[in-house]
Amino acid sequence: MDQTAQRALIPVYTSKGDAEAFLDYPNLFNRNGEWVGWVTPNREVYSVLGYYVGTISKDRRILRKRATSTLKARLEPPRRPRRVYPPATIPLAPLMAELSNSVIDVLLEEPERLHTLDVGELREDLD
């Protein structure tokens, strides 16, 4: 597929207004265009390993309750999508509501929850 034929990526912002991820529904990519997760029809965000990360808010942030009494079950990840190419220019972030103390911005406070497949135990050997 030609880059010019690619659908427009939707920026996902931090509470500081920085675009730290991009959504090409249902897949979520980091600033380098690498796959880091996916989004369900209920706006729930899961990592590439199938673990619950949070939800996408209406102002396009990934939010999570600070203390979760029940953890969501791990889901089987979809097939790994092709890499995307984030745009050179990104629109300014929308005005965002204040977060209560019980909610965190995942991309600001826990960005390690959204990592690529080649980190940690799943990283391929270099030899």
N, C-alpha and C. Protein backbone atom coordinates (compact mmCIF):
# COMPACT_ATOMS: atom_id res chain seq x y z
N MET A 1 0.84 -1.19 0.00
CA MET A 1 0.00 0.00 0.00
C MET A 1 0.88 1.24 0.00
N ASP A 2 0.58 2.17 -0.84
CA ASP A 2 1.30 3.42 -0.95
C ASP A 2 1.05 4.27 0.29
N GLN A 3 2.10 4.98 0.74
CA GLN A 3 1.93 5.84 1.93
C GLN A 3 0.84 6.88 1.72
N THR A 4 0.70 7.39 0.51
CA THR A 4 -0.31 8.41 0.26
C THR A 4 -1.72 7.85 0.34
N ALA A 5 -1.86 6.51 0.17
CA ALA A 5 -3.17 5.89 0.24
C ALA A 5 -3.55 5.52 1.68
N GLN A 6 -2.62 5.67 2.60
CA GLN A 6 -2.87 5.32 4.00
C GLN A 6 -3.95 6.22 4.60
N ARG A 7 -4.79 5.62 5.43
CA ARG A 7 -5.81 6.40 6.13
C ARG A 7 -5.14 7.37 7.09
N ALA A 8 -5.84 8.44 7.40
CA ALA A 8 -5.30 9.42 8.34
C ALA A 8 -5.22 8.81 9.74
N LEU A 9 -4.08 8.97 10.38
CA LEU A 9 -3.89 8.49 11.74
C LEU A 9 -4.48 9.49 12.71
N ILE A 10 -5.11 8.99 13.77
CA ILE A 10 -5.71 9.84 14.79
C ILE A 10 -4.71 9.98 15.93
N PRO A 11 -4.26 11.20 16.23
CA PRO A 11 -3.31 11.36 17.33
C PRO A 11 -3.97 11.08 18.68
N VAL A 12 -3.20 10.44 19.58
CA VAL A 12 -3.63 10.19 20.95
C VAL A 12 -2.67 11.01 21.82
N TYR A 13 -3.24 11.87 22.65
CA TYR A 13 -2.45 12.86 23.38
C TYR A 13 -2.23 12.49 24.84
N THR A 14 -1.23 13.15 25.43
CA THR A 14 -1.05 13.11 26.88
C THR A 14 -1.78 14.31 27.45
N SER A 15 -1.91 14.37 28.75
CA SER A 15 -2.56 15.52 29.40
C SER A 15 -1.75 16.80 29.21
N LYS A 16 -0.49 16.69 28.85
CA LYS A 16 0.34 17.86 28.58
C LYS A 16 0.13 18.38 27.16
N GLY A 17 -0.61 17.61 26.33
CA GLY A 17 -0.90 18.05 24.97
C GLY A 17 0.03 17.48 23.92
N ASP A 18 0.90 16.54 24.29
CA ASP A 18 1.82 15.93 23.33
C ASP A 18 1.18 14.70 22.69
N ALA A 19 1.35 14.55 21.40
CA ALA A 19 0.86 13.35 20.71
C ALA A 19 1.90 12.26 20.91
N GLU A 20 1.58 11.24 21.70
CA GLU A 20 2.52 10.17 22.01
C GLU A 20 2.14 8.84 21.36
N ALA A 21 0.96 8.78 20.74
CA ALA A 21 0.53 7.56 20.07
C ALA A 21 -0.40 7.96 18.93
N PHE A 22 -0.65 6.99 18.05
CA PHE A 22 -1.54 7.21 16.92
C PHE A 22 -2.46 6.02 16.76
N LEU A 23 -3.71 6.31 16.46
CA LEU A 23 -4.72 5.27 16.29
C LEU A 23 -5.06 5.13 14.82
N ASP A 24 -4.92 3.92 14.32
CA ASP A 24 -5.43 3.52 13.01
C ASP A 24 -6.35 2.36 13.35
N TYR A 25 -7.59 2.69 13.71
CA TYR A 25 -8.51 1.74 14.34
C TYR A 25 -8.51 0.40 13.64
N PRO A 26 -8.33 -0.66 14.43
CA PRO A 26 -8.30 -0.73 15.89
C PRO A 26 -6.88 -0.69 16.47
N ASN A 27 -5.88 -0.50 15.65
CA ASN A 27 -4.50 -0.60 16.12
C ASN A 27 -3.94 0.73 16.62
N LEU A 28 -3.07 0.61 17.63
CA LEU A 28 -2.44 1.76 18.26
C LEU A 28 -0.94 1.68 18.02
N PHE A 29 -0.34 2.80 17.63
CA PHE A 29 1.08 2.84 17.29
C PHE A 29 1.78 3.94 18.08
N ASN A 30 3.10 3.74 18.32
CA ASN A 30 3.88 4.77 19.01
C ASN A 30 4.33 5.83 18.01
N ARG A 31 5.11 6.80 18.47
CA ARG A 31 5.56 7.90 17.61
C ARG A 31 6.46 7.44 16.48
N ASN A 32 7.05 6.26 16.61
CA ASN A 32 7.91 5.72 15.56
C ASN A 32 7.13 4.87 14.56
N GLY A 33 5.82 4.73 14.76
CA GLY A 33 5.01 3.94 13.85
C GLY A 33 5.00 2.46 14.17
N GLU A 34 5.49 2.08 15.37
CA GLU A 34 5.53 0.67 15.77
C GLU A 34 4.26 0.32 16.54
N TRP A 35 3.76 -0.87 16.32
CA TRP A 35 2.53 -1.34 16.96
C TRP A 35 2.74 -1.51 18.46
N VAL A 36 1.87 -0.90 19.27
CA VAL A 36 1.97 -1.01 20.73
C VAL A 36 0.70 -1.50 21.39
N GLY A 37 -0.38 -1.66 20.62
CA GLY A 37 -1.62 -2.14 21.20
C GLY A 37 -2.79 -2.02 20.25
N TRP A 38 -3.97 -2.26 20.80
CA TRP A 38 -5.18 -2.13 20.00
C TRP A 38 -6.33 -1.67 20.88
N VAL A 39 -7.41 -1.22 20.23
CA VAL A 39 -8.57 -0.68 20.91
C VAL A 39 -9.79 -1.52 20.54
N THR A 40 -10.60 -1.84 21.55
CA THR A 40 -11.83 -2.60 21.32
C THR A 40 -12.95 -1.64 20.91
N PRO A 41 -14.08 -2.16 20.43
CA PRO A 41 -15.22 -1.28 20.12
C PRO A 41 -15.73 -0.51 21.34
N ASN A 42 -15.45 -1.00 22.56
CA ASN A 42 -15.85 -0.31 23.80
C ASN A 42 -14.83 0.72 24.25
N ARG A 43 -13.85 1.03 23.41
CA ARG A 43 -12.79 2.02 23.66
C ARG A 43 -11.76 1.54 24.68
N GLU A 44 -11.74 0.25 24.98
CA GLU A 44 -10.73 -0.29 25.89
C GLU A 44 -9.43 -0.51 25.12
N VAL A 45 -8.31 -0.17 25.76
CA VAL A 45 -7.00 -0.29 25.15
C VAL A 45 -6.28 -1.48 25.74
N TYR A 46 -5.70 -2.32 24.87
CA TYR A 46 -4.93 -3.49 25.28
C TYR A 46 -3.54 -3.42 24.67
N SER A 47 -2.55 -3.96 25.39
CA SER A 47 -1.17 -3.97 24.91
C SER A 47 -1.00 -5.05 23.84
N VAL A 48 0.17 -5.07 23.20
CA VAL A 48 0.45 -6.08 22.17
C VAL A 48 0.46 -7.49 22.75
N LEU A 49 0.57 -7.60 24.09
CA LEU A 49 0.55 -8.91 24.74
C LEU A 49 -0.86 -9.29 25.20
N GLY A 50 -1.82 -8.38 25.01
CA GLY A 50 -3.21 -8.67 25.36
C GLY A 50 -3.63 -8.25 26.75
N TYR A 51 -2.82 -7.43 27.43
CA TYR A 51 -3.17 -6.97 28.77
C TYR A 51 -3.89 -5.62 28.72
N TYR A 52 -4.89 -5.47 29.58
CA TYR A 52 -5.65 -4.24 29.65
C TYR A 52 -4.75 -3.09 30.08
N VAL A 53 -4.88 -1.96 29.38
CA VAL A 53 -4.07 -0.78 29.66
C VAL A 53 -4.93 0.36 30.19
N GLY A 54 -6.10 0.56 29.61
CA GLY A 54 -6.97 1.67 30.00
C GLY A 54 -8.06 1.85 28.96
N THR A 55 -8.62 3.04 28.90
CA THR A 55 -9.64 3.36 27.90
C THR A 55 -9.26 4.67 27.21
N ILE A 56 -9.72 4.81 25.98
CA ILE A 56 -9.50 6.06 25.25
C ILE A 56 -10.66 6.98 25.59
N SER A 57 -10.31 8.17 26.09
CA SER A 57 -11.33 9.15 26.45
C SER A 57 -11.78 9.92 25.21
N LYS A 58 -12.84 10.70 25.38
CA LYS A 58 -13.36 11.50 24.26
C LYS A 58 -12.36 12.55 23.81
N ASP A 59 -11.48 12.99 24.73
CA ASP A 59 -10.46 13.97 24.32
C ASP A 59 -9.16 13.28 23.88
N ARG A 60 -9.26 12.01 23.56
CA ARG A 60 -8.18 11.20 22.96
C ARG A 60 -6.95 11.06 23.85
N ARG A 61 -7.20 10.70 25.12
CA ARG A 61 -6.14 10.30 26.04
C ARG A 61 -6.41 8.87 26.46
N ILE A 62 -5.37 8.16 26.87
CA ILE A 62 -5.55 6.81 27.41
C ILE A 62 -5.54 6.95 28.92
N LEU A 63 -6.70 6.68 29.52
CA LEU A 63 -6.88 6.86 30.96
C LEU A 63 -7.14 5.53 31.64
N ARG A 64 -6.77 5.47 32.92
CA ARG A 64 -6.93 4.24 33.71
C ARG A 64 -7.18 4.63 35.15
N LYS A 65 -8.01 3.86 35.83
CA LYS A 65 -8.21 4.10 37.26
C LYS A 65 -6.92 3.76 37.99
N ARG A 66 -6.55 4.60 38.94
CA ARG A 66 -5.29 4.39 39.68
C ARG A 66 -5.31 3.06 40.44
N ALA A 67 -6.39 2.77 41.12
CA ALA A 67 -6.52 1.52 41.87
C ALA A 67 -7.66 0.73 41.24
N THR A 68 -7.33 -0.41 40.68
CA THR A 68 -8.37 -1.24 40.08
C THR A 68 -8.63 -2.42 40.99
N SER A 69 -9.88 -2.56 41.40
CA SER A 69 -10.23 -3.65 42.31
C SER A 69 -10.34 -4.98 41.56
N THR A 70 -10.72 -4.91 40.29
CA THR A 70 -10.79 -6.13 39.49
C THR A 70 -10.02 -5.90 38.20
N LEU A 71 -9.16 -6.83 37.89
CA LEU A 71 -8.39 -6.73 36.65
C LEU A 71 -9.17 -7.41 35.53
N LYS A 72 -9.05 -6.84 34.35
CA LYS A 72 -9.73 -7.43 33.19
C LYS A 72 -8.91 -8.61 32.69
N ALA A 73 -9.60 -9.57 32.12
CA ALA A 73 -8.93 -10.76 31.60
C ALA A 73 -8.04 -10.40 30.41
N ARG A 74 -6.97 -11.15 30.25
CA ARG A 74 -6.08 -10.98 29.10
C ARG A 74 -6.82 -11.43 27.85
N LEU A 75 -6.69 -10.67 26.78
CA LEU A 75 -7.29 -11.03 25.50
C LEU A 75 -6.22 -11.50 24.53
N GLU A 76 -6.62 -12.34 23.60
CA GLU A 76 -5.70 -12.79 22.56
C GLU A 76 -5.44 -11.63 21.61
N PRO A 77 -4.18 -11.24 21.42
CA PRO A 77 -3.90 -10.11 20.54
C PRO A 77 -4.24 -10.43 19.08
N PRO A 78 -4.62 -9.41 18.32
CA PRO A 78 -4.85 -9.63 16.89
C PRO A 78 -3.52 -9.83 16.17
N ARG A 79 -3.61 -10.14 14.89
CA ARG A 79 -2.39 -10.29 14.09
C ARG A 79 -1.65 -8.95 14.05
N ARG A 80 -0.34 -9.01 14.08
CA ARG A 80 0.49 -7.80 14.07
C ARG A 80 0.27 -7.05 12.75
N PRO A 81 -0.12 -5.77 12.84
CA PRO A 81 -0.34 -5.00 11.62
C PRO A 81 0.98 -4.49 11.04
N ARG A 82 0.90 -3.96 9.84
CA ARG A 82 2.07 -3.35 9.22
C ARG A 82 2.40 -2.05 9.94
N ARG A 83 3.64 -1.69 9.87
CA ARG A 83 4.11 -0.43 10.47
C ARG A 83 3.43 0.74 9.76
N VAL A 84 3.19 1.80 10.50
CA VAL A 84 2.61 3.01 9.90
C VAL A 84 3.65 4.12 9.93
N TYR A 85 3.36 5.19 9.23
CA TYR A 85 4.27 6.33 9.18
C TYR A 85 3.53 7.56 9.70
N PRO A 86 3.82 7.92 10.97
CA PRO A 86 3.14 9.08 11.56
C PRO A 86 3.37 10.34 10.74
N PRO A 87 2.41 11.26 10.76
CA PRO A 87 2.54 12.49 9.98
C PRO A 87 3.63 13.40 10.54
N ALA A 88 4.16 14.25 9.67
CA ALA A 88 5.19 15.20 10.08
C ALA A 88 4.61 16.30 10.95
N THR A 89 3.38 16.68 10.68
CA THR A 89 2.72 17.70 11.48
C THR A 89 1.49 17.10 12.15
N ILE A 90 1.24 17.54 13.37
CA ILE A 90 0.15 16.98 14.17
C ILE A 90 -0.70 18.14 14.67
N PRO A 91 -2.03 18.01 14.59
CA PRO A 91 -2.89 19.09 15.11
C PRO A 91 -2.70 19.29 16.61
N LEU A 92 -2.96 20.49 17.05
CA LEU A 92 -2.88 20.78 18.49
C LEU A 92 -3.90 19.93 19.24
N ALA A 93 -3.57 19.62 20.46
CA ALA A 93 -4.46 18.82 21.30
C ALA A 93 -5.73 19.59 21.63
N PRO A 94 -6.84 18.88 21.78
CA PRO A 94 -8.08 19.57 22.20
C PRO A 94 -7.97 20.00 23.65
N LEU A 95 -8.87 20.87 24.07
CA LEU A 95 -8.93 21.24 25.49
C LEU A 95 -9.33 20.01 26.28
N MET A 96 -8.64 19.77 27.38
CA MET A 96 -8.87 18.54 28.14
C MET A 96 -9.36 18.85 29.54
N ALA A 97 -10.25 17.99 30.00
CA ALA A 97 -10.78 18.10 31.35
C ALA A 97 -9.71 17.71 32.36
N GLU A 98 -9.80 18.27 33.55
CA GLU A 98 -8.91 17.89 34.64
C GLU A 98 -9.18 16.44 35.03
N LEU A 99 -8.15 15.74 35.44
CA LEU A 99 -8.31 14.37 35.90
C LEU A 99 -8.45 14.36 37.42
N SER A 100 -9.30 13.48 37.91
CA SER A 100 -9.40 13.32 39.37
C SER A 100 -8.18 12.55 39.86
N ASN A 101 -7.96 12.54 41.16
CA ASN A 101 -6.81 11.83 41.72
C ASN A 101 -6.91 10.32 41.53
N SER A 102 -8.09 9.81 41.23
CA SER A 102 -8.26 8.37 41.07
C SER A 102 -8.01 7.88 39.65
N VAL A 103 -7.69 8.81 38.73
CA VAL A 103 -7.47 8.46 37.32
C VAL A 103 -6.08 8.91 36.91
N ILE A 104 -5.39 8.08 36.12
CA ILE A 104 -4.07 8.45 35.62
C ILE A 104 -4.08 8.49 34.10
N ASP A 105 -3.18 9.29 33.57
CA ASP A 105 -2.93 9.37 32.13
C ASP A 105 -1.83 8.33 31.85
N VAL A 106 -2.19 7.25 31.19
CA VAL A 106 -1.26 6.13 30.99
C VAL A 106 -0.02 6.56 30.21
N LEU A 107 -0.19 7.35 29.16
CA LEU A 107 0.96 7.75 28.35
C LEU A 107 1.93 8.65 29.10
N LEU A 108 1.46 9.32 30.16
CA LEU A 108 2.34 10.15 30.98
C LEU A 108 2.94 9.39 32.14
N GLU A 109 2.11 8.63 32.86
CA GLU A 109 2.54 8.01 34.11
C GLU A 109 2.98 6.56 33.99
N GLU A 110 2.47 5.83 33.01
CA GLU A 110 2.83 4.42 32.85
C GLU A 110 3.03 4.05 31.38
N PRO A 111 3.90 4.79 30.66
CA PRO A 111 4.06 4.51 29.23
C PRO A 111 4.60 3.11 28.93
N GLU A 112 5.24 2.49 29.92
CA GLU A 112 5.78 1.15 29.72
C GLU A 112 4.69 0.11 29.49
N ARG A 113 3.46 0.43 29.81
CA ARG A 113 2.34 -0.51 29.55
C ARG A 113 2.11 -0.70 28.05
N LEU A 114 2.50 0.28 27.26
CA LEU A 114 2.35 0.19 25.81
C LEU A 114 3.73 0.10 25.17
N HIS A 115 4.22 -1.12 25.05
CA HIS A 115 5.54 -1.34 24.47
C HIS A 115 5.41 -2.17 23.21
N THR A 116 6.49 -2.25 22.45
CA THR A 116 6.49 -3.04 21.22
C THR A 116 6.73 -4.51 21.56
N LEU A 117 6.56 -5.37 20.56
CA LEU A 117 6.76 -6.80 20.78
C LEU A 117 8.21 -7.17 21.02
N ASP A 118 9.15 -6.34 20.62
CA ASP A 118 10.57 -6.70 20.70
C ASP A 118 11.27 -6.22 21.97
N VAL A 119 10.51 -5.98 23.03
CA VAL A 119 11.13 -5.60 24.31
C VAL A 119 10.95 -6.72 25.32
N GLY A 120 11.82 -6.73 26.32
CA GLY A 120 11.68 -7.70 27.40
C GLY A 120 11.94 -9.13 26.94
N GLU A 121 11.16 -10.05 27.47
CA GLU A 121 11.37 -11.47 27.22
C GLU A 121 11.12 -11.86 25.77
N LEU A 122 10.32 -11.08 25.05
CA LEU A 122 10.00 -11.44 23.68
C LEU A 122 10.99 -10.91 22.65
N ARG A 123 12.00 -10.16 23.10
CA ARG A 123 12.98 -9.61 22.19
C ARG A 123 13.77 -10.73 21.54
N GLU A 124 13.98 -10.64 20.23
CA GLU A 124 14.72 -11.66 19.52
C GLU A 124 16.21 -11.54 19.82
N ASP A 125 16.92 -12.69 19.79
CA ASP A 125 18.35 -12.68 20.01
C ASP A 125 19.04 -11.94 18.86
N LEU A 126 20.12 -11.23 19.20
CA LEU A 126 20.82 -10.46 18.19
C LEU A 126 21.88 -11.27 17.44
N ASP A 127 22.20 -12.48 17.88
CA ASP A 127 23.24 -13.25 17.20
C ASP A 127 22.70 -14.13 16.15
